[in-house]
Amino acid sequence: MTDETIAQARAAMATLPLFKNLDPARVAVTRLGGLTNLVFRIDDNGESFCLRLPGQGTEEYIDREVEAHNARAAAAVGVSAEVLHADAASGVMVTRFLDGAETMSPETFRAKAGAAARAAQAFHKLHTGGQSFEFRFELFAMIDDYLKILATKSVDFPPGYHDVLKEAEAVREALTARPGILAPCHCDPLCENFLDTGTRMWIVDWEYSGMNDPMWDLGDLSVEAGFEAAHDEAMMNAYFPGGAGEADWGRMVIYKAMCDLLWTLWGLIQHANDNPAEDFWAYATGRFARCKTLMATPAFAGHLQAVRRG
C-alpha cells in the first residue's frame, strides 16, 4: 500500500509545472497522515513541500475552488502555509511544508503547556484578519445536504439520530433569533490540522472552511481535543482577553454538540464509501453518543438560554 501510494505521488508530481525541474524518481517522498486524502512530504535540494492528492468520493462534498481561495486567504493572514499549486479540477494541492512544527493530537493538545491558548490566538488572528472566505458554512443546511447524500447510499443511522435532530430545532431557533457575527473560519479543527512550534500554532487543511460563527471553531476544537474545563478556560481566555460573556460561552458549548451532530453524518458517508482510513461506523456512533449526552445535560439548557438572551 505504501509503495502504491508513493508511486501515485511521484506520478502526480510529474504532471505539475511546479516540479518540472525535479526528478520525481530522485526526490524524497514521505507519506503523511490523512483521513480522506493522500498527503505527502516532498524533499528536494533543501526545499520541502506538502503534496495533497484528493481521496475517493471527496468530490461529493468538497468544492476545491472554494478550498483553494480560502487556503490562500488563511496564508495571507499568517496562520497557514503558502499555497504553491491548487487545481480545482483534479483536487491536487501543493503548499510549503511547515518545518519545525509538531503535528498535534488530542493527547498533545491536552498535555502541552499553552497549546489551547496558542490555538485560540491563531483562530483570533484568522477571524479578525480582514479576509473574506468563499462559501457560507451553514450548519443545518450542511446537515440537510449530508442527509441527501446518505439517501443515495445503503447505510444505517445510529439509533435515535433523527429524534436528536428534532431536539436540535431548539438550537436552530436560538441561533436564528441571535445570529452571531460571520468571520473566516476553519470549521473542521481536527487536532491533526494544527502544527505547533511551541510559540506559534499553524492551521492547515481548508476543505470545509467558510464564513461562520467564530465560536464554532472553538467549540469544535474543544470536542476534537477532548478538552476538560481548564482547557476550555485557557482557550476562551486567550480568545477573549477581557473575558468571555455568557452568550459567548453558550455558543461555544452549543457548537460542541452541533459539530458532533454534523460530523456523525460525515462519518456515515465515509462508512458508506468504504473509506479504509479507520472504523467510521465507530467514529459516527461515538460522536452521536457524545452529542446526545451533552444535549441532555441541564448545563446545555442553560447555555441555550444564554444564547437566547444574547
C-alpha atoms as a PDB file:
ATOM      1  CA  MET A   1       0.000   0.000   0.000  1.00  0.00           C
ATOM      2  CA  THR A   2       2.835   2.375   0.832  1.00  0.00           C
ATOM      3  CA  ASP A   3       4.687   1.631  -2.402  1.00  0.00           C
ATOM      4  CA  GLU A   4       1.479   2.137  -4.363  1.00  0.00           C
ATOM      5  CA  THR A   5       0.673   5.499  -2.774  1.00  0.00           C
ATOM      6  CA  ILE A   6       4.269   6.743  -3.120  1.00  0.00           C
ATOM      7  CA  ALA A   7       4.039   5.855  -6.806  1.00  0.00           C
ATOM      8  CA  GLN A   8       0.841   7.904  -7.035  1.00  0.00           C
ATOM      9  CA  ALA A   9       2.642  10.880  -5.532  1.00  0.00           C
ATOM     10  CA  ARG A  10       5.546  10.587  -7.962  1.00  0.00           C
ATOM     11  CA  ALA A  11       3.144  10.293 -10.904  1.00  0.00           C
ATOM     12  CA  ALA A  12       1.252  13.400  -9.790  1.00  0.00           C
ATOM     13  CA  MET A  13       4.492  15.352  -9.351  1.00  0.00           C
ATOM     14  CA  ALA A  14       5.491  14.537 -12.925  1.00  0.00           C
ATOM     15  CA  THR A  15       2.415  16.413 -14.210  1.00  0.00           C
ATOM     16  CA  LEU A  16       2.937  19.597 -12.184  1.00  0.00           C
ATOM     17  CA  PRO A  17       4.783  22.639 -13.617  1.00  0.00           C
ATOM     18  CA  LEU A  18       5.930  23.423 -10.082  1.00  0.00           C
ATOM     19  CA  PHE A  19       8.110  20.308 -10.142  1.00  0.00           C
ATOM     20  CA  LYS A  20       9.244  20.492 -13.783  1.00  0.00           C
ATOM     21  CA  ASN A  21      12.894  20.864 -12.773  1.00  0.00           C
ATOM     22  CA  LEU A  22      12.771  17.997 -10.293  1.00  0.00           C
ATOM     23  CA  ASP A  23      13.364  14.346 -10.984  1.00  0.00           C
ATOM     24  CA  PRO A  24      10.328  12.639  -9.355  1.00  0.00           C
ATOM     25  CA  ALA A  25      12.286   9.390  -9.098  1.00  0.00           C
ATOM     26  CA  ARG A  26      15.082  11.094  -7.121  1.00  0.00           C
ATOM     27  CA  VAL A  27      13.322  13.319  -4.612  1.00  0.00           C
ATOM     28  CA  ALA A  28      12.396  12.012  -1.162  1.00  0.00           C
ATOM     29  CA  VAL A  29       8.670  11.296  -0.798  1.00  0.00           C
ATOM     30  CA  THR A  30       7.216  10.533   2.635  1.00  0.00           C
ATOM     31  CA  ARG A  31       3.602   9.545   3.290  1.00  0.00           C
ATOM     32  CA  LEU A  32       1.941  11.641   5.999  1.00  0.00           C
ATOM     33  CA  GLY A  33      -1.366  11.160   7.831  1.00  0.00           C
ATOM     34  CA  GLY A  34      -4.816  11.867   6.435  1.00  0.00           C
ATOM     35  CA  LEU A  35      -8.327  10.524   6.966  1.00  0.00           C
ATOM     36  CA  THR A  36      -9.749  11.093   3.490  1.00  0.00           C
ATOM     37  CA  ASN A  37      -6.838  12.268   1.305  1.00  0.00           C
ATOM     38  CA  LEU A  38      -3.312  11.099   0.470  1.00  0.00           C
ATOM     39  CA  VAL A  39      -0.777  13.562   1.895  1.00  0.00           C
ATOM     40  CA  PHE A  40       2.982  13.523   1.307  1.00  0.00           C
ATOM     41  CA  ARG A  41       6.104  15.420   2.249  1.00  0.00           C
ATOM     42  CA  ILE A  42       8.361  16.141  -0.738  1.00  0.00           C
ATOM     43  CA  ASP A  43      12.030  16.954  -0.041  1.00  0.00           C
ATOM     44  CA  ASP A  44      14.479  18.076  -2.707  1.00  0.00           C
ATOM     45  CA  ASN A  45      17.629  20.169  -2.614  1.00  0.00           C
ATOM     46  CA  GLY A  46      16.866  21.791   0.730  1.00  0.00           C
ATOM     47  CA  GLU A  47      13.227  22.602  -0.078  1.00  0.00           C
ATOM     48  CA  SER A  48      10.217  20.852   1.418  1.00  0.00           C
ATOM     49  CA  PHE A  49       6.661  20.741   0.101  1.00  0.00           C
ATOM     50  CA  CYS A  50       3.365  19.195   1.120  1.00  0.00           C
ATOM     51  CA  LEU A  51       1.520  17.389  -1.688  1.00  0.00           C
ATOM     52  CA  ARG A  52      -2.168  16.533  -1.248  1.00  0.00           C
ATOM     53  CA  LEU A  53      -3.999  14.115  -3.538  1.00  0.00           C
ATOM     54  CA  PRO A  54      -7.785  14.045  -3.045  1.00  0.00           C
ATOM     55  CA  GLY A  55      -9.449  10.976  -1.597  1.00  0.00           C
ATOM     56  CA  GLN A  56     -12.040   8.882  -3.391  1.00  0.00           C
ATOM     57  CA  GLY A  57     -15.542  10.340  -3.125  1.00  0.00           C
ATOM     58  CA  THR A  58     -14.454  13.710  -1.708  1.00  0.00           C
ATOM     59  CA  GLU A  59     -15.792  15.444  -4.798  1.00  0.00           C
ATOM     60  CA  GLU A  60     -19.294  14.719  -3.431  1.00  0.00           C
ATOM     61  CA  TYR A  61     -18.917  17.269  -0.655  1.00  0.00           C
ATOM     62  CA  ILE A  62     -15.746  19.357  -1.208  1.00  0.00           C
ATOM     63  CA  ASP A  63     -15.587  22.398  -3.501  1.00  0.00           C
ATOM     64  CA  ARG A  64     -11.919  22.591  -4.463  1.00  0.00           C
ATOM     65  CA  GLU A  65     -12.135  26.138  -5.866  1.00  0.00           C
ATOM     66  CA  VAL A  66     -13.502  27.377  -2.547  1.00  0.00           C
ATOM     67  CA  GLU A  67     -10.838  25.437  -0.653  1.00  0.00           C
ATOM     68  CA  ALA A  68      -8.009  26.983  -2.704  1.00  0.00           C
ATOM     69  CA  HIS A  69      -9.326  30.527  -2.267  1.00  0.00           C
ATOM     70  CA  ASN A  70      -9.737  30.108   1.476  1.00  0.00           C
ATOM     71  CA  ALA A  71      -6.344  28.430   1.926  1.00  0.00           C
ATOM     72  CA  ARG A  72      -4.674  31.373   0.215  1.00  0.00           C
ATOM     73  CA  ALA A  73      -6.631  33.838   2.359  1.00  0.00           C
ATOM     74  CA  ALA A  74      -5.590  31.990   5.534  1.00  0.00           C
ATOM     75  CA  ALA A  75      -1.962  32.081   4.409  1.00  0.00           C
ATOM     76  CA  ALA A  76      -2.287  35.825   3.777  1.00  0.00           C
ATOM     77  CA  VAL A  77      -3.095  36.471   7.452  1.00  0.00           C
ATOM     78  CA  GLY A  78      -0.223  34.275   8.592  1.00  0.00           C
ATOM     79  CA  VAL A  79      -1.997  31.270  10.055  1.00  0.00           C
ATOM     80  CA  SER A  80      -1.431  28.734   7.266  1.00  0.00           C
ATOM     81  CA  ALA A  81       1.137  27.553   4.739  1.00  0.00           C
ATOM     82  CA  GLU A  82       1.730  29.259   1.404  1.00  0.00           C
ATOM     83  CA  VAL A  83      -0.255  27.649  -1.430  1.00  0.00           C
ATOM     84  CA  LEU A  84       2.036  26.928  -4.392  1.00  0.00           C
ATOM     85  CA  HIS A  85      -0.367  24.966  -6.600  1.00  0.00           C
ATOM     86  CA  ALA A  86      -4.082  24.224  -6.495  1.00  0.00           C
ATOM     87  CA  ASP A  87      -6.035  22.534  -9.271  1.00  0.00           C
ATOM     88  CA  ALA A  88      -9.783  22.623  -8.702  1.00  0.00           C
ATOM     89  CA  ALA A  89     -10.420  20.021 -11.403  1.00  0.00           C
ATOM     90  CA  SER A  90      -8.092  17.364 -10.019  1.00  0.00           C
ATOM     91  CA  GLY A  91      -8.084  18.428  -6.369  1.00  0.00           C
ATOM     92  CA  VAL A  92      -4.277  18.274  -6.240  1.00  0.00           C
ATOM     93  CA  MET A  93      -2.737  20.902  -3.942  1.00  0.00           C
ATOM     94  CA  VAL A  94       0.856  21.747  -3.038  1.00  0.00           C
ATOM     95  CA  THR A  95       1.882  24.011  -0.152  1.00  0.00           C
ATOM     96  CA  ARG A  96       5.109  24.893   1.581  1.00  0.00           C
ATOM     97  CA  PHE A  97       5.979  22.353   4.243  1.00  0.00           C
ATOM     98  CA  LEU A  98       5.924  23.901   7.709  1.00  0.00           C
ATOM     99  CA  ASP A  99       9.133  22.547   9.169  1.00  0.00           C
ATOM    100  CA  GLY A 100       9.967  22.603  12.864  1.00  0.00           C
ATOM    101  CA  ALA A 101       6.340  22.223  13.942  1.00  0.00           C
ATOM    102  CA  GLU A 102       4.733  19.296  15.729  1.00  0.00           C
ATOM    103  CA  THR A 103       1.555  17.805  14.323  1.00  0.00           C
ATOM    104  CA  MET A 104      -0.916  17.930  17.171  1.00  0.00           C
ATOM    105  CA  SER A 105      -3.106  15.164  18.555  1.00  0.00           C
ATOM    106  CA  PRO A 106      -5.790  15.178  21.254  1.00  0.00           C
ATOM    107  CA  GLU A 107      -3.188  13.942  23.743  1.00  0.00           C
ATOM    108  CA  THR A 108      -0.593  16.601  22.923  1.00  0.00           C
ATOM    109  CA  PHE A 109      -3.228  19.348  22.894  1.00  0.00           C
ATOM    110  CA  ARG A 110      -4.217  18.443  26.441  1.00  0.00           C
ATOM    111  CA  ALA A 111      -0.692  17.870  27.743  1.00  0.00           C
ATOM    112  CA  LYS A 112       1.371  20.582  26.029  1.00  0.00           C
ATOM    113  CA  ALA A 113       1.597  23.813  28.021  1.00  0.00           C
ATOM    114  CA  GLY A 114      -0.174  26.712  26.328  1.00  0.00           C
ATOM    115  CA  ALA A 115      -1.377  24.712  23.320  1.00  0.00           C
ATOM    116  CA  ALA A 116      -5.069  25.541  23.804  1.00  0.00           C
ATOM    117  CA  ALA A 117      -4.222  29.229  24.178  1.00  0.00           C
ATOM    118  CA  ARG A 118      -1.983  29.264  21.090  1.00  0.00           C
ATOM    119  CA  ALA A 119      -4.755  27.647  19.037  1.00  0.00           C
ATOM    120  CA  ALA A 120      -7.210  30.288  20.267  1.00  0.00           C
ATOM    121  CA  GLN A 121      -4.776  33.040  19.308  1.00  0.00           C
ATOM    122  CA  ALA A 122      -4.400  31.564  15.825  1.00  0.00           C
ATOM    123  CA  PHE A 123      -8.175  31.421  15.500  1.00  0.00           C
ATOM    124  CA  HIS A 124      -8.474  35.040  16.619  1.00  0.00           C
ATOM    125  CA  LYS A 125      -5.904  36.071  14.001  1.00  0.00           C
ATOM    126  CA  LEU A 126      -7.856  34.187  11.336  1.00  0.00           C
ATOM    127  CA  HIS A 127     -11.249  35.503  12.415  1.00  0.00           C
ATOM    128  CA  THR A 128     -10.148  39.138  12.645  1.00  0.00           C
ATOM    129  CA  GLY A 129      -7.572  39.245   9.826  1.00  0.00           C
ATOM    130  CA  GLY A 130      -9.795  41.147   7.392  1.00  0.00           C
ATOM    131  CA  GLN A 131     -10.012  38.373   4.800  1.00  0.00           C
ATOM    132  CA  SER A 132     -13.239  37.048   3.326  1.00  0.00           C
ATOM    133  CA  PHE A 133     -13.780  33.352   2.668  1.00  0.00           C
ATOM    134  CA  GLU A 134     -15.900  31.918  -0.090  1.00  0.00           C
ATOM    135  CA  PHE A 135     -18.741  29.633   0.989  1.00  0.00           C
ATOM    136  CA  ARG A 136     -21.075  30.145   3.923  1.00  0.00           C
ATOM    137  CA  PHE A 137     -20.756  27.279   6.389  1.00  0.00           C
ATOM    138  CA  GLU A 138     -24.385  26.809   7.430  1.00  0.00           C
ATOM    139  CA  LEU A 139     -24.798  24.048   9.991  1.00  0.00           C
ATOM    140  CA  PHE A 140     -28.352  22.958   9.275  1.00  0.00           C
ATOM    141  CA  ALA A 141     -28.035  23.364   5.509  1.00  0.00           C
ATOM    142  CA  MET A 142     -24.987  21.078   5.637  1.00  0.00           C
ATOM    143  CA  ILE A 143     -26.900  18.558   7.726  1.00  0.00           C
ATOM    144  CA  ASP A 144     -29.611  18.566   5.059  1.00  0.00           C
ATOM    145  CA  ASP A 145     -27.006  18.163   2.291  1.00  0.00           C
ATOM    146  CA  TYR A 146     -25.335  15.237   4.045  1.00  0.00           C
ATOM    147  CA  LEU A 147     -28.724  13.596   4.612  1.00  0.00           C
ATOM    148  CA  LYS A 148     -29.395  13.884   0.867  1.00  0.00           C
ATOM    149  CA  ILE A 149     -26.070  12.204   0.094  1.00  0.00           C
ATOM    150  CA  LEU A 150     -26.828   9.434   2.573  1.00  0.00           C
ATOM    151  CA  ALA A 151     -30.254   8.914   0.997  1.00  0.00           C
ATOM    152  CA  THR A 152     -28.402   7.660  -2.100  1.00  0.00           C
ATOM    153  CA  LYS A 153     -26.365   5.115  -0.129  1.00  0.00           C
ATOM    154  CA  SER A 154     -27.042   1.939   1.778  1.00  0.00           C
ATOM    155  CA  VAL A 155     -26.256   2.864   5.366  1.00  0.00           C
ATOM    156  CA  ASP A 156     -27.941   2.726   8.770  1.00  0.00           C
ATOM    157  CA  PHE A 157     -28.177   5.642  11.203  1.00  0.00           C
ATOM    158  CA  PRO A 158     -27.252   5.342  14.880  1.00  0.00           C
ATOM    159  CA  PRO A 159     -30.472   4.600  16.810  1.00  0.00           C
ATOM    160  CA  GLY A 160     -32.189   7.817  17.844  1.00  0.00           C
ATOM    161  CA  TYR A 161     -30.330  10.117  15.458  1.00  0.00           C
ATOM    162  CA  HIS A 162     -33.464  11.610  13.912  1.00  0.00           C
ATOM    163  CA  ASP A 163     -35.000  12.146  17.374  1.00  0.00           C
ATOM    164  CA  VAL A 164     -31.986  14.174  18.467  1.00  0.00           C
ATOM    165  CA  LEU A 165     -32.079  16.062  15.180  1.00  0.00           C
ATOM    166  CA  LYS A 166     -35.638  17.127  16.058  1.00  0.00           C
ATOM    167  CA  GLU A 167     -34.462  18.260  19.501  1.00  0.00           C
ATOM    168  CA  ALA A 168     -31.807  20.362  17.781  1.00  0.00           C
ATOM    169  CA  GLU A 169     -34.568  22.522  16.310  1.00  0.00           C
ATOM    170  CA  ALA A 170     -34.422  24.494  19.571  1.00  0.00           C
ATOM    171  CA  VAL A 171     -30.802  25.260  18.798  1.00  0.00           C
ATOM    172  CA  ARG A 172     -31.691  26.305  15.265  1.00  0.00           C
ATOM    173  CA  GLU A 173     -34.353  28.669  16.623  1.00  0.00           C
ATOM    174  CA  ALA A 174     -31.978  30.212  19.180  1.00  0.00           C
ATOM    175  CA  LEU A 175     -29.219  30.771  16.623  1.00  0.00           C
ATOM    176  CA  THR A 176     -31.702  32.201  14.116  1.00  0.00           C
ATOM    177  CA  ALA A 177     -33.023  34.632  16.720  1.00  0.00           C
ATOM    178  CA  ARG A 178     -29.489  35.588  17.831  1.00  0.00           C
ATOM    179  CA  PRO A 179     -27.258  35.171  14.780  1.00  0.00           C
ATOM    180  CA  GLY A 180     -23.583  35.550  15.538  1.00  0.00           C
ATOM    181  CA  ILE A 181     -21.086  37.554  13.539  1.00  0.00           C
ATOM    182  CA  LEU A 182     -19.660  35.906  10.446  1.00  0.00           C
ATOM    183  CA  ALA A 183     -15.912  35.551  10.037  1.00  0.00           C
ATOM    184  CA  PRO A 184     -13.499  33.379   8.074  1.00  0.00           C
ATOM    185  CA  CYS A 185     -13.485  30.069   9.958  1.00  0.00           C
ATOM    186  CA  HIS A 186     -11.665  26.783   9.588  1.00  0.00           C
ATOM    187  CA  CYS A 187     -14.807  24.813  10.518  1.00  0.00           C
ATOM    188  CA  ASP A 188     -13.017  21.443  10.812  1.00  0.00           C
ATOM    189  CA  PRO A 189     -10.435  21.838  13.606  1.00  0.00           C
ATOM    190  CA  LEU A 190      -9.320  18.250  13.855  1.00  0.00           C
ATOM    191  CA  CYS A 191      -6.292  18.224  16.160  1.00  0.00           C
ATOM    192  CA  GLU A 192      -4.068  16.927  13.365  1.00  0.00           C
ATOM    193  CA  ASN A 193      -4.870  20.090  11.392  1.00  0.00           C
ATOM    194  CA  PHE A 194      -2.777  22.078  13.901  1.00  0.00           C
ATOM    195  CA  LEU A 195       1.015  22.341  13.778  1.00  0.00           C
ATOM    196  CA  ASP A 196       2.710  23.776  16.865  1.00  0.00           C
ATOM    197  CA  THR A 197       6.208  25.249  17.149  1.00  0.00           C
ATOM    198  CA  GLY A 198       5.836  25.823  20.885  1.00  0.00           C
ATOM    199  CA  THR A 199       5.446  29.551  20.357  1.00  0.00           C
ATOM    200  CA  ARG A 200       3.116  29.629  17.361  1.00  0.00           C
ATOM    201  CA  MET A 201       0.253  27.482  16.163  1.00  0.00           C
ATOM    202  CA  TRP A 202      -0.333  26.956  12.432  1.00  0.00           C
ATOM    203  CA  ILE A 203      -3.593  25.631  10.934  1.00  0.00           C
ATOM    204  CA  VAL A 204      -3.828  23.537   7.750  1.00  0.00           C
ATOM    205  CA  ASP A 205      -6.493  21.787   5.621  1.00  0.00           C
ATOM    206  CA  TRP A 206      -9.201  24.204   4.485  1.00  0.00           C
ATOM    207  CA  GLU A 207     -11.597  21.735   2.820  1.00  0.00           C
ATOM    208  CA  TYR A 208     -14.602  22.657   4.999  1.00  0.00           C
ATOM    209  CA  SER A 209     -13.737  26.314   5.645  1.00  0.00           C
ATOM    210  CA  GLY A 210     -16.132  29.183   5.127  1.00  0.00           C
ATOM    211  CA  MET A 211     -17.754  32.182   6.709  1.00  0.00           C
ATOM    212  CA  ASN A 212     -19.164  31.058  10.041  1.00  0.00           C
ATOM    213  CA  ASP A 213     -19.710  31.962  13.678  1.00  0.00           C
ATOM    214  CA  PRO A 214     -16.184  32.049  15.227  1.00  0.00           C
ATOM    215  CA  MET A 215     -17.415  30.128  18.257  1.00  0.00           C
ATOM    216  CA  TRP A 216     -17.899  27.097  16.031  1.00  0.00           C
ATOM    217  CA  ASP A 217     -14.126  26.809  15.646  1.00  0.00           C
ATOM    218  CA  LEU A 218     -13.554  26.965  19.406  1.00  0.00           C
ATOM    219  CA  GLY A 219     -16.377  24.574  20.265  1.00  0.00           C
ATOM    220  CA  ASP A 220     -15.346  22.051  17.632  1.00  0.00           C
ATOM    221  CA  LEU A 221     -11.694  22.154  18.737  1.00  0.00           C
ATOM    222  CA  SER A 222     -12.777  21.549  22.338  1.00  0.00           C
ATOM    223  CA  VAL A 223     -14.592  18.400  21.207  1.00  0.00           C
ATOM    224  CA  GLU A 224     -11.827  17.153  18.910  1.00  0.00           C
ATOM    225  CA  ALA A 225      -9.151  17.583  21.581  1.00  0.00           C
ATOM    226  CA  GLY A 226     -11.271  16.230  24.422  1.00  0.00           C
ATOM    227  CA  PHE A 227     -10.726  19.406  26.410  1.00  0.00           C
ATOM    228  CA  GLU A 228     -11.577  19.489  30.089  1.00  0.00           C
ATOM    229  CA  ALA A 229     -12.881  22.598  31.858  1.00  0.00           C
ATOM    230  CA  ALA A 230      -9.385  24.015  32.433  1.00  0.00           C
ATOM    231  CA  HIS A 231      -8.509  23.710  28.731  1.00  0.00           C
ATOM    232  CA  ASP A 232     -11.763  25.414  27.739  1.00  0.00           C
ATOM    233  CA  GLU A 233     -10.993  28.228  30.194  1.00  0.00           C
ATOM    234  CA  ALA A 234      -7.496  28.681  28.765  1.00  0.00           C
ATOM    235  CA  MET A 235      -8.854  28.696  25.217  1.00  0.00           C
ATOM    236  CA  MET A 236     -11.661  31.166  25.915  1.00  0.00           C
ATOM    237  CA  ASN A 237      -9.439  33.471  28.000  1.00  0.00           C
ATOM    238  CA  ALA A 238      -6.841  33.612  25.231  1.00  0.00           C
ATOM    239  CA  TYR A 239      -9.518  34.392  22.644  1.00  0.00           C
ATOM    240  CA  PHE A 240     -11.304  36.924  24.881  1.00  0.00           C
ATOM    241  CA  PRO A 241      -8.560  38.685  26.908  1.00  0.00           C
ATOM    242  CA  GLY A 242     -11.215  40.814  28.577  1.00  0.00           C
ATOM    243  CA  GLY A 243     -13.281  37.760  29.469  1.00  0.00           C
ATOM    244  CA  ALA A 244     -15.906  35.845  27.539  1.00  0.00           C
ATOM    245  CA  GLY A 245     -19.561  36.630  28.173  1.00  0.00           C
ATOM    246  CA  GLU A 246     -22.272  34.100  28.994  1.00  0.00           C
ATOM    247  CA  ALA A 247     -23.546  34.182  25.417  1.00  0.00           C
ATOM    248  CA  ASP A 248     -20.026  33.526  24.084  1.00  0.00           C
ATOM    249  CA  TRP A 249     -19.692  30.528  26.379  1.00  0.00           C
ATOM    250  CA  GLY A 250     -23.187  29.433  25.418  1.00  0.00           C
ATOM    251  CA  ARG A 251     -22.432  29.490  21.702  1.00  0.00           C
ATOM    252  CA  MET A 252     -19.181  27.608  22.180  1.00  0.00           C
ATOM    253  CA  VAL A 253     -20.846  24.821  24.177  1.00  0.00           C
ATOM    254  CA  ILE A 254     -23.835  24.570  21.844  1.00  0.00           C
ATOM    255  CA  TYR A 255     -21.476  24.120  18.913  1.00  0.00           C
ATOM    256  CA  LYS A 256     -19.717  21.326  20.785  1.00  0.00           C
ATOM    257  CA  ALA A 257     -22.941  19.330  20.470  1.00  0.00           C
ATOM    258  CA  MET A 258     -23.802  20.521  16.981  1.00  0.00           C
ATOM    259  CA  CYS A 259     -20.432  19.658  15.477  1.00  0.00           C
ATOM    260  CA  ASP A 260     -20.886  16.092  16.704  1.00  0.00           C
ATOM    261  CA  LEU A 261     -24.384  16.039  15.214  1.00  0.00           C
ATOM    262  CA  LEU A 262     -22.974  17.136  11.849  1.00  0.00           C
ATOM    263  CA  TRP A 263     -19.793  15.059  11.792  1.00  0.00           C
ATOM    264  CA  THR A 264     -21.811  11.958  12.674  1.00  0.00           C
ATOM    265  CA  LEU A 265     -23.279  12.236   9.182  1.00  0.00           C
ATOM    266  CA  TRP A 266     -19.851  12.851   7.653  1.00  0.00           C
ATOM    267  CA  GLY A 267     -18.643   9.665   9.328  1.00  0.00           C
ATOM    268  CA  LEU A 268     -21.596   7.739   7.908  1.00  0.00           C
ATOM    269  CA  ILE A 269     -20.687   8.970   4.414  1.00  0.00           C
ATOM    270  CA  GLN A 270     -17.119   7.717   4.893  1.00  0.00           C
ATOM    271  CA  HIS A 271     -18.511   4.407   6.181  1.00  0.00           C
ATOM    272  CA  ALA A 272     -20.801   4.088   3.163  1.00  0.00           C
ATOM    273  CA  ASN A 273     -17.891   4.906   0.822  1.00  0.00           C
ATOM    274  CA  ASP A 274     -15.797   2.123   2.416  1.00  0.00           C
ATOM    275  CA  ASN A 275     -13.065   4.571   3.435  1.00  0.00           C
ATOM    276  CA  PRO A 276     -10.374   2.291   4.943  1.00  0.00           C
ATOM    277  CA  ALA A 277      -8.649   5.021   6.999  1.00  0.00           C
ATOM    278  CA  GLU A 278     -10.452   3.961  10.182  1.00  0.00           C
ATOM    279  CA  ASP A 279     -13.647   2.391  11.544  1.00  0.00           C
ATOM    280  CA  PHE A 280     -16.054   5.143  10.531  1.00  0.00           C
ATOM    281  CA  TRP A 281     -19.104   3.358  11.932  1.00  0.00           C
ATOM    282  CA  ALA A 282     -17.499   3.502  15.368  1.00  0.00           C
ATOM    283  CA  TYR A 283     -16.497   7.117  14.651  1.00  0.00           C
ATOM    284  CA  ALA A 284     -20.080   8.083  13.770  1.00  0.00           C
ATOM    285  CA  THR A 285     -21.766   6.268  16.651  1.00  0.00           C
ATOM    286  CA  GLY A 286     -19.223   7.617  19.134  1.00  0.00           C
ATOM    287  CA  ARG A 287     -19.771  11.190  18.019  1.00  0.00           C
ATOM    288  CA  PHE A 288     -23.530  10.788  18.151  1.00  0.00           C
ATOM    289  CA  ALA A 289     -23.431   9.347  21.669  1.00  0.00           C
ATOM    290  CA  ARG A 290     -21.348  12.318  22.849  1.00  0.00           C
ATOM    291  CA  CYS A 291     -23.759  14.788  21.229  1.00  0.00           C
ATOM    292  CA  LYS A 292     -26.786  13.105  22.797  1.00  0.00           C
ATOM    293  CA  THR A 293     -25.171  13.064  26.245  1.00  0.00           C
ATOM    294  CA  LEU A 294     -24.243  16.769  26.164  1.00  0.00           C
ATOM    295  CA  MET A 295     -27.654  17.875  24.909  1.00  0.00           C
ATOM    296  CA  ALA A 296     -29.355  16.006  27.768  1.00  0.00           C
ATOM    297  CA  THR A 297     -27.487  17.918  30.496  1.00  0.00           C
ATOM    298  CA  PRO A 298     -29.085  20.766  32.500  1.00  0.00           C
ATOM    299  CA  ALA A 299     -25.981  22.856  31.712  1.00  0.00           C
ATOM    300  CA  PHE A 300     -26.726  22.611  27.988  1.00  0.00           C
ATOM    301  CA  ALA A 301     -30.192  24.033  28.562  1.00  0.00           C
ATOM    302  CA  GLY A 302     -28.614  26.900  30.499  1.00  0.00           C
ATOM    303  CA  HIS A 303     -26.198  27.666  27.680  1.00  0.00           C
ATOM    304  CA  LEU A 304     -29.070  27.631  25.209  1.00  0.00           C
ATOM    305  CA  GLN A 305     -30.879  30.169  27.367  1.00  0.00           C
ATOM    306  CA  ALA A 306     -27.756  32.370  27.479  1.00  0.00           C
ATOM    307  CA  VAL A 307     -27.649  32.389  23.672  1.00  0.00           C
ATOM    308  CA  ARG A 308     -31.343  33.317  23.521  1.00  0.00           C
ATOM    309  CA  ARG A 309     -30.706  36.254  25.886  1.00  0.00           C
ATOM    310  CA  GLY A 310     -27.790  37.414  23.760  1.00  0.00           C
END
